[in-house]
Amino acid sequence: MTTVLTVLLVIVCIALIVTVLLQSGKSAGLSGAISGGAEQLFGKQKARGIDLVLHRVTIVLSVLFFVLTIAIAYFA
């Protein structure tokens, strides 16, 4: 059980890192490469939609991270 939870935790950690790096910050960090192209193709409204989706995915992944961490601590 602990092994399965640990593998899931590693997958969630990697996904969380990727989604945080893809989000645009004040300087439009790494996501400028993706949303910048999306702005040219779809307009600024779609680029804001991408940031909103990334924000929601980050929230879900962070909650899942904490739940998995507590579950591993409980079963270990």
Protein backbone atom coordinates (compact mmCIF):
# COMPACT_ATOMS: atom_id res chain seq x y z
CA MET A 1 0.00 0.00 0.00
CA THR A 2 2.80 2.39 0.89
CA THR A 3 4.59 1.67 -2.38
CA VAL A 4 1.50 2.49 -4.45
CA LEU A 5 0.95 5.72 -2.54
CA THR A 6 4.60 6.68 -2.93
CA VAL A 7 4.49 6.13 -6.69
CA LEU A 8 1.31 8.22 -6.92
CA LEU A 9 2.97 10.94 -4.81
CA VAL A 10 5.97 11.08 -7.16
CA ILE A 11 3.67 11.37 -10.19
CA VAL A 12 1.66 14.15 -8.51
CA CYS A 13 4.88 15.95 -7.54
CA ILE A 14 6.17 15.94 -11.11
CA ALA A 15 2.79 17.11 -12.44
CA LEU A 16 2.66 19.87 -9.82
CA ILE A 17 6.13 21.11 -10.73
CA VAL A 18 5.22 21.19 -14.42
CA THR A 19 1.97 23.09 -13.87
CA VAL A 20 3.63 25.65 -11.61
CA LEU A 21 6.36 26.25 -14.19
CA LEU A 22 3.81 26.67 -16.97
CA GLN A 23 1.88 29.38 -15.15
CA SER A 24 2.58 32.94 -16.11
CA GLY A 25 3.90 35.19 -13.42
CA LYS A 26 4.45 38.93 -13.36
CA SER A 27 7.22 38.53 -15.91
CA ALA A 28 5.30 35.91 -17.96
CA GLY A 29 7.94 33.25 -17.20
CA LEU A 30 8.04 29.90 -18.96
CA SER A 31 4.38 29.99 -19.97
CA GLY A 32 5.09 32.94 -22.26
CA ALA A 33 6.28 30.45 -24.85
CA ILE A 34 2.94 28.65 -24.77
CA SER A 35 0.45 31.40 -24.02
CA GLY A 36 2.29 33.87 -26.24
CA GLY A 37 1.64 31.62 -29.20
CA ALA A 38 -1.93 31.10 -28.03
CA GLU A 39 -2.48 34.85 -27.85
CA GLN A 40 -1.45 35.24 -31.46
CA LEU A 41 -3.68 32.40 -32.64
CA PHE A 42 -6.74 32.78 -30.43
CA GLY A 43 -6.50 36.24 -28.92
CA LYS A 44 -5.85 37.25 -25.32
CA GLN A 45 -9.11 35.75 -24.01
CA LYS A 46 -7.94 32.18 -24.68
CA ALA A 47 -4.55 32.85 -23.08
CA ARG A 48 -6.31 33.97 -19.89
CA GLY A 49 -8.39 30.81 -20.08
CA ILE A 50 -5.24 28.72 -20.22
CA ASP A 51 -3.90 30.48 -17.11
CA LEU A 52 -7.21 29.86 -15.33
CA VAL A 53 -7.12 26.15 -16.19
CA LEU A 54 -3.50 25.90 -15.03
CA HIS A 55 -4.43 27.65 -11.78
CA ARG A 56 -7.27 25.19 -11.10
CA VAL A 57 -5.10 22.19 -11.97
CA THR A 58 -2.45 23.48 -9.55
CA ILE A 59 -5.02 23.69 -6.75
CA VAL A 60 -6.27 20.16 -7.40
CA LEU A 61 -2.74 18.75 -7.56
CA SER A 62 -1.67 20.52 -4.37
CA VAL A 63 -4.68 19.15 -2.46
CA LEU A 64 -3.92 15.69 -3.82
CA PHE A 65 -0.29 16.12 -2.76
CA PHE A 66 -1.27 16.86 0.83
CA VAL A 67 -3.80 14.03 0.97
CA LEU A 68 -1.26 11.52 -0.35
CA THR A 69 1.40 12.77 2.04
CA ILE A 70 -0.91 12.39 5.04
CA ALA A 71 -2.00 8.94 3.82
CA ILE A 72 1.63 7.80 3.52
CA ALA A 73 2.37 9.09 7.02
CA TYR A 74 -0.70 7.31 8.39
CA PHE A 75 0.05 3.93 6.77
CA ALA A 76 3.80 3.99 7.40
